Amino acid sequence: MAALRLWPLWLQGLALVWGRAGTGLAHLAATAPPAPAQACSEFSQRSCEECLKNVSCLWCYTNNTCIDYPVRSILPSSLCSFSNARWGVCWINFEALIIAIAVVAGLILVSIAVCCCYCCYCRRRSRSRPDEEEERLARKREERRLQSLQRKHERKLKHDEIRKKYGLLQDCDNPYSRFENE
């Protein structure tokens, strides 16, 4: 119920923050002059570092050219060979970058799979443990019950001996039993 009362307040706060962010962005866009966009081909025959300052550029070492990264096809195999292509940083080629990303993604997937399997195994083990514990408790309970019955039987035998000794036990084999007047 309290969450329903806070809902309009949350929406108002979100609208206020969104409005402030929008005015701040509009103010920033109005004050900052737009940066001139340079074509990647202007950096050809220069250096790899200058070319890769622009994120949308790709450097090819075969002919020292700076070209636009082909965003429609993810891998630039038609423009430059993977071993000679550089994107992002000059010290790692595109082939090594793809291998490194694949290895990291594979490690993440394997670790997630291992965690899921481990959690499922632990959950299954934790479910089976109460059954084992319940069985152990039932065995102990049965042992206690049997011990109690055995002690009760021993007490009954002792009491019967005492009754027999004093003639209080009505025994059919005993010829010397007490007669009671009716």
N, C-alpha and C. Protein backbone atom coordinates (compact mmCIF):
# COMPACT_ATOMS: atom_id res chain seq x y z
N MET A 1 0.83 -1.19 0.00
CA MET A 1 0.00 0.00 0.00
C MET A 1 0.87 1.26 0.00
N ALA A 2 1.98 1.20 0.76
CA ALA A 2 2.89 2.34 0.82
C ALA A 2 3.57 2.56 -0.53
N ALA A 3 3.80 1.45 -1.25
CA ALA A 3 4.44 1.58 -2.56
C ALA A 3 3.54 2.31 -3.53
N LEU A 4 2.23 2.12 -3.40
CA LEU A 4 1.29 2.81 -4.28
C LEU A 4 1.29 4.31 -4.01
N ARG A 5 1.47 4.70 -2.75
CA ARG A 5 1.52 6.12 -2.42
C ARG A 5 2.81 6.77 -2.91
N LEU A 6 3.91 6.00 -2.94
CA LEU A 6 5.19 6.55 -3.37
C LEU A 6 5.32 6.60 -4.89
N TRP A 7 4.48 5.89 -5.61
CA TRP A 7 4.59 5.82 -7.06
C TRP A 7 4.50 7.20 -7.72
N PRO A 8 3.51 8.04 -7.40
CA PRO A 8 3.47 9.36 -8.03
C PRO A 8 4.69 10.21 -7.67
N LEU A 9 5.19 10.10 -6.45
CA LEU A 9 6.36 10.87 -6.05
C LEU A 9 7.58 10.43 -6.86
N TRP A 10 7.70 9.15 -7.09
CA TRP A 10 8.80 8.62 -7.87
C TRP A 10 8.75 9.13 -9.30
N LEU A 11 7.56 9.13 -9.87
CA LEU A 11 7.40 9.62 -11.24
C LEU A 11 7.73 11.11 -11.33
N GLN A 12 7.30 11.89 -10.34
CA GLN A 12 7.60 13.32 -10.35
C GLN A 12 9.11 13.54 -10.24
N GLY A 13 9.78 12.77 -9.40
CA GLY A 13 11.23 12.91 -9.26
C GLY A 13 11.94 12.55 -10.55
N LEU A 14 11.47 11.49 -11.21
CA LEU A 14 12.07 11.08 -12.47
C LEU A 14 11.86 12.16 -13.54
N ALA A 15 10.68 12.74 -13.58
CA ALA A 15 10.41 13.80 -14.55
C ALA A 15 11.29 15.01 -14.28
N LEU A 16 11.50 15.33 -13.01
CA LEU A 16 12.34 16.47 -12.66
C LEU A 16 13.79 16.23 -13.08
N VAL A 17 14.30 15.04 -12.79
CA VAL A 17 15.68 14.72 -13.17
C VAL A 17 15.81 14.70 -14.69
N TRP A 18 14.86 14.12 -15.38
CA TRP A 18 14.90 14.04 -16.84
C TRP A 18 14.85 15.45 -17.45
N GLY A 19 14.01 16.29 -16.88
CA GLY A 19 13.91 17.67 -17.38
C GLY A 19 15.21 18.43 -17.17
N ARG A 20 15.84 18.26 -16.00
CA ARG A 20 17.12 18.92 -15.73
C ARG A 20 18.21 18.40 -16.67
N ALA A 21 18.22 17.10 -16.89
CA ALA A 21 19.23 16.53 -17.79
C ALA A 21 19.02 17.04 -19.21
N GLY A 22 17.77 17.16 -19.63
CA GLY A 22 17.48 17.66 -20.97
C GLY A 22 17.90 19.10 -21.14
N THR A 23 17.64 19.94 -20.14
CA THR A 23 18.05 21.34 -20.25
C THR A 23 19.56 21.46 -20.19
N GLY A 24 20.21 20.59 -19.39
CA GLY A 24 21.67 20.62 -19.32
C GLY A 24 22.30 20.22 -20.65
N LEU A 25 21.73 19.21 -21.29
CA LEU A 25 22.26 18.79 -22.59
C LEU A 25 22.01 19.85 -23.65
N ALA A 26 20.84 20.50 -23.60
CA ALA A 26 20.56 21.56 -24.56
C ALA A 26 21.52 22.73 -24.36
N HIS A 27 21.81 23.06 -23.10
CA HIS A 27 22.74 24.14 -22.80
C HIS A 27 24.15 23.78 -23.28
N LEU A 28 24.54 22.53 -23.07
CA LEU A 28 25.86 22.08 -23.51
C LEU A 28 25.97 22.13 -25.03
N ALA A 29 24.93 21.70 -25.72
CA ALA A 29 24.95 21.71 -27.18
C ALA A 29 24.97 23.12 -27.73
N ALA A 30 24.35 24.05 -27.01
CA ALA A 30 24.31 25.43 -27.49
C ALA A 30 25.64 26.13 -27.28
N THR A 31 26.38 25.77 -26.23
CA THR A 31 27.62 26.48 -25.93
C THR A 31 28.84 25.88 -26.62
N ALA A 32 28.86 24.57 -26.82
CA ALA A 32 30.04 23.93 -27.40
C ALA A 32 29.95 23.98 -28.93
N PRO A 33 31.01 24.43 -29.58
CA PRO A 33 30.98 24.43 -31.05
C PRO A 33 31.13 23.01 -31.56
N PRO A 34 30.45 22.66 -32.63
CA PRO A 34 30.55 21.30 -33.15
C PRO A 34 31.94 21.03 -33.69
N ALA A 35 32.45 19.84 -33.39
CA ALA A 35 33.79 19.46 -33.84
C ALA A 35 33.74 19.14 -35.33
N PRO A 36 34.71 19.61 -36.07
CA PRO A 36 34.70 19.29 -37.50
C PRO A 36 35.02 17.81 -37.70
N ALA A 37 34.19 17.16 -38.48
CA ALA A 37 34.38 15.73 -38.74
C ALA A 37 35.36 15.56 -39.88
N GLN A 38 36.42 14.83 -39.60
CA GLN A 38 37.42 14.59 -40.63
C GLN A 38 37.23 13.19 -41.19
N ALA A 39 37.39 13.05 -42.44
CA ALA A 39 37.28 11.75 -43.07
C ALA A 39 38.52 10.93 -42.73
N CYS A 40 38.32 9.63 -42.62
CA CYS A 40 39.43 8.74 -42.26
C CYS A 40 40.50 8.72 -43.34
N SER A 41 40.11 8.94 -44.58
CA SER A 41 41.10 8.89 -45.67
C SER A 41 42.12 10.02 -45.57
N GLU A 42 41.81 11.09 -44.81
CA GLU A 42 42.78 12.18 -44.63
C GLU A 42 43.98 11.74 -43.81
N PHE A 43 43.84 10.68 -43.00
CA PHE A 43 44.94 10.21 -42.14
C PHE A 43 45.80 9.15 -42.83
N SER A 44 45.51 8.83 -44.07
CA SER A 44 46.31 7.84 -44.80
C SER A 44 47.72 8.36 -45.00
N GLN A 45 48.67 7.45 -45.06
CA GLN A 45 50.10 7.73 -45.22
C GLN A 45 50.67 8.54 -44.05
N ARG A 46 49.96 8.59 -42.93
CA ARG A 46 50.50 9.22 -41.71
C ARG A 46 50.90 8.10 -40.75
N SER A 47 50.40 8.18 -39.52
CA SER A 47 50.73 7.12 -38.56
C SER A 47 49.44 6.43 -38.08
N CYS A 48 49.62 5.25 -37.53
CA CYS A 48 48.49 4.47 -37.01
C CYS A 48 47.82 5.20 -35.84
N GLU A 49 48.62 5.80 -34.97
CA GLU A 49 48.08 6.50 -33.80
C GLU A 49 47.17 7.64 -34.20
N GLU A 50 47.57 8.42 -35.19
CA GLU A 50 46.74 9.53 -35.63
C GLU A 50 45.44 9.03 -36.24
N CYS A 51 45.52 7.95 -36.98
CA CYS A 51 44.32 7.39 -37.61
C CYS A 51 43.33 6.88 -36.57
N LEU A 52 43.83 6.18 -35.57
CA LEU A 52 42.95 5.52 -34.60
C LEU A 52 42.45 6.45 -33.51
N LYS A 53 42.84 7.75 -33.56
CA LYS A 53 42.24 8.70 -32.62
C LYS A 53 40.75 8.83 -32.90
N ASN A 54 40.37 8.65 -34.15
CA ASN A 54 38.96 8.62 -34.53
C ASN A 54 38.48 7.16 -34.42
N VAL A 55 37.46 6.93 -33.64
CA VAL A 55 37.01 5.57 -33.35
C VAL A 55 36.42 4.89 -34.58
N SER A 56 35.94 5.67 -35.51
CA SER A 56 35.30 5.06 -36.69
C SER A 56 36.31 4.71 -37.78
N CYS A 57 37.60 4.83 -37.52
CA CYS A 57 38.63 4.55 -38.53
C CYS A 57 39.30 3.20 -38.27
N LEU A 58 39.84 2.64 -39.34
CA LEU A 58 40.54 1.36 -39.31
C LEU A 58 41.86 1.55 -40.05
N TRP A 59 42.96 1.11 -39.45
CA TRP A 59 44.29 1.27 -40.07
C TRP A 59 44.70 -0.05 -40.69
N CYS A 60 45.21 0.01 -41.90
CA CYS A 60 45.66 -1.18 -42.60
C CYS A 60 47.16 -1.03 -42.87
N TYR A 61 47.97 -1.97 -42.33
CA TYR A 61 49.42 -1.89 -42.45
C TYR A 61 49.94 -2.31 -43.82
N THR A 62 49.14 -3.02 -44.61
CA THR A 62 49.64 -3.48 -45.92
C THR A 62 49.98 -2.31 -46.83
N ASN A 63 49.11 -1.30 -46.84
CA ASN A 63 49.38 -0.14 -47.70
C ASN A 63 49.36 1.17 -46.92
N ASN A 64 49.46 1.12 -45.57
CA ASN A 64 49.46 2.30 -44.69
C ASN A 64 48.31 3.26 -45.01
N THR A 65 47.10 2.72 -45.01
CA THR A 65 45.91 3.53 -45.28
C THR A 65 45.01 3.55 -44.08
N CYS A 66 44.33 4.64 -43.94
CA CYS A 66 43.32 4.82 -42.90
C CYS A 66 41.97 4.84 -43.60
N ILE A 67 41.12 3.88 -43.28
CA ILE A 67 39.83 3.78 -43.97
C ILE A 67 38.70 3.76 -42.95
N ASP A 68 37.50 4.09 -43.42
CA ASP A 68 36.32 4.04 -42.55
C ASP A 68 36.03 2.59 -42.18
N TYR A 69 35.70 2.36 -40.90
CA TYR A 69 35.39 1.01 -40.45
C TYR A 69 34.06 0.60 -41.06
N PRO A 70 33.99 -0.58 -41.67
CA PRO A 70 32.73 -1.01 -42.30
C PRO A 70 31.74 -1.49 -41.24
N VAL A 71 30.84 -0.61 -40.84
CA VAL A 71 29.90 -0.94 -39.78
C VAL A 71 28.82 -1.90 -40.24
N ARG A 72 28.54 -1.97 -41.51
CA ARG A 72 27.51 -2.90 -42.00
C ARG A 72 28.00 -4.34 -41.90
N SER A 73 29.24 -4.58 -42.22
CA SER A 73 29.82 -5.91 -42.01
C SER A 73 30.75 -5.79 -40.81
N ILE A 74 30.53 -6.60 -39.83
CA ILE A 74 31.24 -6.45 -38.56
C ILE A 74 32.74 -6.69 -38.73
N LEU A 75 33.10 -7.68 -39.53
CA LEU A 75 34.51 -7.98 -39.72
C LEU A 75 35.01 -7.38 -41.03
N PRO A 76 36.08 -6.61 -41.01
CA PRO A 76 36.57 -5.94 -42.22
C PRO A 76 37.47 -6.81 -43.08
N SER A 77 37.04 -8.00 -43.42
CA SER A 77 37.90 -8.93 -44.16
C SER A 77 38.10 -8.50 -45.61
N SER A 78 37.14 -7.80 -46.20
CA SER A 78 37.27 -7.42 -47.61
C SER A 78 38.22 -6.24 -47.78
N LEU A 79 38.40 -5.40 -46.78
CA LEU A 79 39.24 -4.21 -46.89
C LEU A 79 40.71 -4.49 -46.62
N CYS A 80 40.98 -5.32 -45.61
CA CYS A 80 42.35 -5.56 -45.18
C CYS A 80 42.40 -6.92 -44.50
N SER A 81 43.51 -7.61 -44.56
CA SER A 81 43.61 -8.90 -43.88
C SER A 81 43.60 -8.68 -42.37
N PHE A 82 43.09 -9.66 -41.66
CA PHE A 82 42.95 -9.51 -40.20
C PHE A 82 44.30 -9.30 -39.52
N SER A 83 45.33 -9.90 -40.01
CA SER A 83 46.63 -9.77 -39.35
C SER A 83 47.25 -8.39 -39.56
N ASN A 84 46.82 -7.67 -40.59
CA ASN A 84 47.36 -6.33 -40.86
C ASN A 84 46.41 -5.21 -40.46
N ALA A 85 45.21 -5.52 -40.05
CA ALA A 85 44.23 -4.50 -39.68
C ALA A 85 44.37 -4.14 -38.21
N ARG A 86 44.22 -2.86 -37.89
CA ARG A 86 44.27 -2.36 -36.51
C ARG A 86 43.03 -1.50 -36.27
N TRP A 87 42.42 -1.72 -35.11
CA TRP A 87 41.26 -0.90 -34.75
C TRP A 87 41.28 -0.69 -33.25
N GLY A 88 41.11 0.50 -32.80
CA GLY A 88 41.13 0.83 -31.38
C GLY A 88 42.52 1.14 -30.88
N VAL A 89 43.44 0.22 -30.99
CA VAL A 89 44.82 0.41 -30.57
C VAL A 89 45.75 -0.13 -31.65
N CYS A 90 46.93 0.45 -31.76
CA CYS A 90 47.86 0.05 -32.82
C CYS A 90 48.66 -1.19 -32.47
N TRP A 91 48.82 -1.52 -31.21
CA TRP A 91 49.71 -2.59 -30.82
C TRP A 91 49.08 -3.97 -30.91
N ILE A 92 47.78 -4.09 -31.22
CA ILE A 92 47.16 -5.41 -31.35
C ILE A 92 46.43 -5.48 -32.69
N ASN A 93 46.68 -6.55 -33.44
CA ASN A 93 46.02 -6.67 -34.74
C ASN A 93 44.60 -7.19 -34.56
N PHE A 94 43.81 -7.09 -35.61
CA PHE A 94 42.40 -7.43 -35.54
C PHE A 94 42.20 -8.92 -35.28
N GLU A 95 43.08 -9.74 -35.81
CA GLU A 95 43.00 -11.18 -35.61
C GLU A 95 43.18 -11.53 -34.13
N ALA A 96 44.18 -10.94 -33.50
CA ALA A 96 44.41 -11.18 -32.07
C ALA A 96 43.27 -10.62 -31.23
N LEU A 97 42.72 -9.49 -31.67
CA LEU A 97 41.60 -8.88 -30.96
C LEU A 97 40.39 -9.81 -30.98
N ILE A 98 40.11 -10.38 -32.14
CA ILE A 98 38.98 -11.31 -32.25
C ILE A 98 39.22 -12.55 -31.39
N ILE A 99 40.45 -13.07 -31.41
CA ILE A 99 40.77 -14.25 -30.60
C ILE A 99 40.65 -13.93 -29.11
N ALA A 100 41.15 -12.77 -28.71
CA ALA A 100 41.09 -12.39 -27.30
C ALA A 100 39.64 -12.22 -26.85
N ILE A 101 38.82 -11.59 -27.68
CA ILE A 101 37.41 -11.41 -27.31
C ILE A 101 36.71 -12.76 -27.24
N ALA A 102 37.03 -13.66 -28.18
CA ALA A 102 36.42 -14.99 -28.16
C ALA A 102 36.83 -15.78 -26.91
N VAL A 103 38.10 -15.66 -26.53
CA VAL A 103 38.57 -16.37 -25.33
C VAL A 103 37.89 -15.82 -24.08
N VAL A 104 37.81 -14.51 -23.98
CA VAL A 104 37.17 -13.91 -22.80
C VAL A 104 35.70 -14.29 -22.75
N ALA A 105 35.01 -14.23 -23.90
CA ALA A 105 33.60 -14.62 -23.93
C ALA A 105 33.44 -16.10 -23.58
N GLY A 106 34.34 -16.94 -24.08
CA GLY A 106 34.29 -18.36 -23.75
C GLY A 106 34.50 -18.61 -22.27
N LEU A 107 35.46 -17.91 -21.69
CA LEU A 107 35.70 -18.06 -20.24
C LEU A 107 34.49 -17.62 -19.42
N ILE A 108 33.87 -16.55 -19.85
CA ILE A 108 32.68 -16.07 -19.13
C ILE A 108 31.56 -17.11 -19.23
N LEU A 109 31.34 -17.65 -20.43
CA LEU A 109 30.29 -18.65 -20.60
C LEU A 109 30.59 -19.92 -19.81
N VAL A 110 31.85 -20.36 -19.83
CA VAL A 110 32.20 -21.56 -19.07
C VAL A 110 32.04 -21.32 -17.57
N SER A 111 32.45 -20.16 -17.09
CA SER A 111 32.30 -19.88 -15.66
C SER A 111 30.83 -19.80 -15.26
N ILE A 112 29.99 -19.24 -16.12
CA ILE A 112 28.56 -19.20 -15.82
C ILE A 112 28.00 -20.62 -15.79
N ALA A 113 28.41 -21.46 -16.75
CA ALA A 113 27.93 -22.83 -16.78
C ALA A 113 28.39 -23.60 -15.54
N VAL A 114 29.65 -23.40 -15.15
CA VAL A 114 30.16 -24.09 -13.95
C VAL A 114 29.40 -23.62 -12.71
N CYS A 115 29.16 -22.32 -12.61
CA CYS A 115 28.42 -21.80 -11.46
C CYS A 115 27.01 -22.37 -11.41
N CYS A 116 26.34 -22.43 -12.57
CA CYS A 116 24.98 -22.98 -12.61
C CYS A 116 24.98 -24.45 -12.21
N CYS A 117 25.92 -25.22 -12.75
CA CYS A 117 25.99 -26.64 -12.40
C CYS A 117 26.30 -26.82 -10.91
N TYR A 118 27.22 -26.03 -10.40
CA TYR A 118 27.58 -26.14 -8.99
C TYR A 118 26.39 -25.79 -8.10
N CYS A 119 25.67 -24.72 -8.46
CA CYS A 119 24.50 -24.32 -7.66
C CYS A 119 23.42 -25.40 -7.71
N CYS A 120 23.19 -25.98 -8.89
CA CYS A 120 22.20 -27.05 -9.00
C CYS A 120 22.62 -28.26 -8.17
N TYR A 121 23.91 -28.60 -8.21
CA TYR A 121 24.41 -29.73 -7.44
C TYR A 121 24.25 -29.47 -5.94
N CYS A 122 24.59 -28.26 -5.50
CA CYS A 122 24.46 -27.92 -4.08
C CYS A 122 23.00 -27.95 -3.66
N ARG A 123 22.13 -27.45 -4.52
CA ARG A 123 20.70 -27.44 -4.18
C ARG A 123 20.20 -28.87 -4.05
N ARG A 124 20.63 -29.75 -4.95
CA ARG A 124 20.19 -31.14 -4.89
C ARG A 124 20.74 -31.80 -3.63
N ARG A 125 21.99 -31.49 -3.29
CA ARG A 125 22.58 -32.06 -2.08
C ARG A 125 21.88 -31.56 -0.84
N SER A 126 21.52 -30.27 -0.83
CA SER A 126 20.86 -29.73 0.36
C SER A 126 19.46 -30.31 0.51
N ARG A 127 18.83 -30.67 -0.61
CA ARG A 127 17.51 -31.30 -0.51
C ARG A 127 17.63 -32.72 0.01
N SER A 128 18.70 -33.45 -0.35
CA SER A 128 18.85 -34.82 0.08
C SER A 128 19.32 -34.92 1.53
N ARG A 129 19.99 -33.94 2.03
CA ARG A 129 20.49 -33.97 3.41
C ARG A 129 19.38 -34.06 4.44
N PRO A 130 18.30 -33.28 4.34
CA PRO A 130 17.25 -33.43 5.34
C PRO A 130 16.66 -34.83 5.35
N ASP A 131 16.59 -35.50 4.20
CA ASP A 131 16.08 -36.86 4.17
C ASP A 131 17.00 -37.78 4.97
N GLU A 132 18.29 -37.65 4.78
CA GLU A 132 19.24 -38.47 5.53
C GLU A 132 19.15 -38.15 7.02
N GLU A 133 19.01 -36.87 7.33
CA GLU A 133 18.92 -36.48 8.73
C GLU A 133 17.63 -36.98 9.36
N GLU A 134 16.54 -36.91 8.61
CA GLU A 134 15.27 -37.43 9.13
C GLU A 134 15.35 -38.93 9.37
N GLU A 135 16.02 -39.64 8.47
CA GLU A 135 16.18 -41.09 8.66
C GLU A 135 17.01 -41.37 9.90
N ARG A 136 18.07 -40.60 10.12
CA ARG A 136 18.92 -40.79 11.30
C ARG A 136 18.11 -40.52 12.57
N LEU A 137 17.30 -39.46 12.55
CA LEU A 137 16.48 -39.16 13.73
C LEU A 137 15.43 -40.24 13.95
N ALA A 138 14.86 -40.77 12.89
CA ALA A 138 13.86 -41.84 13.04
C ALA A 138 14.51 -43.09 13.62
N ARG A 139 15.74 -43.42 13.18
CA ARG A 139 16.45 -44.58 13.74
C ARG A 139 16.70 -44.38 15.24
N LYS A 140 17.16 -43.18 15.61
CA LYS A 140 17.42 -42.91 17.04
C LYS A 140 16.13 -43.00 17.85
N ARG A 141 15.04 -42.47 17.28
CA ARG A 141 13.75 -42.51 17.96
C ARG A 141 13.31 -43.97 18.16
N GLU A 142 13.50 -44.82 17.16
CA GLU A 142 13.14 -46.23 17.25
C GLU A 142 14.01 -46.95 18.28
N GLU A 143 15.30 -46.62 18.31
CA GLU A 143 16.19 -47.23 19.31
C GLU A 143 15.75 -46.85 20.72
N ARG A 144 15.40 -45.58 20.92
CA ARG A 144 14.94 -45.14 22.24
C ARG A 144 13.65 -45.85 22.64
N ARG A 145 12.75 -46.02 21.67
CA ARG A 145 11.48 -46.70 21.95
C ARG A 145 11.73 -48.15 22.34
N LEU A 146 12.63 -48.84 21.63
CA LEU A 146 12.95 -50.23 21.96
C LEU A 146 13.61 -50.34 23.33
N GLN A 147 14.52 -49.41 23.66
CA GLN A 147 15.15 -49.41 24.98
C GLN A 147 14.11 -49.18 26.07
N SER A 148 13.17 -48.29 25.80
CA SER A 148 12.11 -48.02 26.78
C SER A 148 11.24 -49.25 27.00
N LEU A 149 10.89 -49.93 25.91
CA LEU A 149 10.09 -51.15 26.05
C LEU A 149 10.85 -52.23 26.81
N GLN A 150 12.15 -52.34 26.56
CA GLN A 150 12.96 -53.33 27.27
C GLN A 150 13.01 -53.02 28.76
N ARG A 151 13.22 -51.75 29.11
CA ARG A 151 13.24 -51.36 30.53
C ARG A 151 11.87 -51.60 31.19
N LYS A 152 10.82 -51.33 30.46
CA LYS A 152 9.46 -51.54 30.99
C LYS A 152 9.23 -53.03 31.26
N HIS A 153 9.70 -53.89 30.35
CA HIS A 153 9.55 -55.33 30.53
C HIS A 153 10.36 -55.81 31.74
N GLU A 154 11.59 -55.29 31.91
CA GLU A 154 12.41 -55.65 33.06
C GLU A 154 11.74 -55.21 34.36
N ARG A 155 11.17 -54.00 34.38
CA ARG A 155 10.46 -53.54 35.59
C ARG A 155 9.26 -54.43 35.91
N LYS A 156 8.55 -54.84 34.87
CA LYS A 156 7.37 -55.71 35.07
C LYS A 156 7.81 -57.05 35.67
N LEU A 157 8.92 -57.60 35.17
CA LEU A 157 9.41 -58.87 35.72
C LEU A 157 9.80 -58.72 37.20
N LYS A 158 10.47 -57.62 37.55
CA LYS A 158 10.86 -57.39 38.95
C LYS A 158 9.63 -57.23 39.83
N HIS A 159 8.65 -56.48 39.35
CA HIS A 159 7.42 -56.30 40.14
C HIS A 159 6.66 -57.62 40.31
N ASP A 160 6.64 -58.44 39.26
CA ASP A 160 5.98 -59.73 39.36
C ASP A 160 6.68 -60.63 40.37
N GLU A 161 8.03 -60.59 40.42
CA GLU A 161 8.77 -61.38 41.40
C GLU A 161 8.41 -60.93 42.81
N ILE A 162 8.34 -59.63 43.02
CA ILE A 162 7.98 -59.11 44.36
C ILE A 162 6.56 -59.51 44.72
N ARG A 163 5.63 -59.41 43.78
CA ARG A 163 4.24 -59.80 44.05
C ARG A 163 4.15 -61.29 44.36
N LYS A 164 4.93 -62.08 43.62
CA LYS A 164 4.93 -63.52 43.83
C LYS A 164 5.49 -63.84 45.21
N LYS A 165 6.53 -63.13 45.62
CA LYS A 165 7.18 -63.36 46.90
C LYS A 165 6.20 -63.10 48.04
N TYR A 166 5.39 -62.09 47.93
CA TYR A 166 4.47 -61.74 49.00
C TYR A 166 3.07 -62.29 48.75
N GLY A 167 2.91 -63.07 47.73
CA GLY A 167 1.63 -63.73 47.48
C GLY A 167 0.58 -62.79 46.92
N LEU A 168 0.96 -61.77 46.30
CA LEU A 168 0.00 -60.83 45.74
C LEU A 168 -0.32 -61.13 44.28
N LEU A 169 0.43 -62.02 43.70
CA LEU A 169 0.25 -62.33 42.29
C LEU A 169 -0.68 -63.52 42.16
N GLN A 170 -1.72 -63.42 41.41
CA GLN A 170 -2.63 -64.54 41.17
C GLN A 170 -1.99 -65.42 40.10
N ASP A 171 -1.39 -66.50 40.56
CA ASP A 171 -0.69 -67.37 39.63
C ASP A 171 -1.40 -68.72 39.64
N CYS A 172 -1.66 -69.27 38.51
CA CYS A 172 -2.40 -70.53 38.40
C CYS A 172 -1.53 -71.72 38.82
N ASP A 173 -0.21 -71.67 38.64
CA ASP A 173 0.61 -72.82 38.96
C ASP A 173 0.91 -72.91 40.46
N ASN A 174 0.70 -71.86 41.18
CA ASN A 174 1.05 -71.84 42.59
C ASN A 174 -0.11 -72.45 43.40
N PRO A 175 0.12 -73.57 44.04
CA PRO A 175 -0.98 -74.19 44.83
C PRO A 175 -1.24 -73.44 46.14
N TYR A 176 -0.26 -72.68 46.58
CA TYR A 176 -0.43 -71.97 47.84
C TYR A 176 -0.78 -70.52 47.56
N SER A 177 -1.92 -70.32 47.06
CA SER A 177 -2.33 -68.94 46.77
C SER A 177 -3.33 -68.52 47.82
N ARG A 178 -3.50 -67.30 47.98
CA ARG A 178 -4.36 -66.74 48.98
C ARG A 178 -5.81 -66.87 48.56
N PHE A 179 -6.64 -67.28 49.50
CA PHE A 179 -8.06 -67.37 49.23
C PHE A 179 -8.73 -66.14 49.74
N GLU A 180 -9.62 -65.62 48.95
CA GLU A 180 -10.33 -64.43 49.40
C GLU A 180 -11.78 -64.77 49.57
N ASN A 181 -12.35 -64.22 50.59
CA ASN A 181 -13.79 -64.48 50.86
C ASN A 181 -14.63 -63.58 49.95
N GLU A 182 -15.63 -64.24 49.45
CA GLU A 182 -16.49 -63.47 48.58
C GLU A 182 -17.67 -62.93 49.27
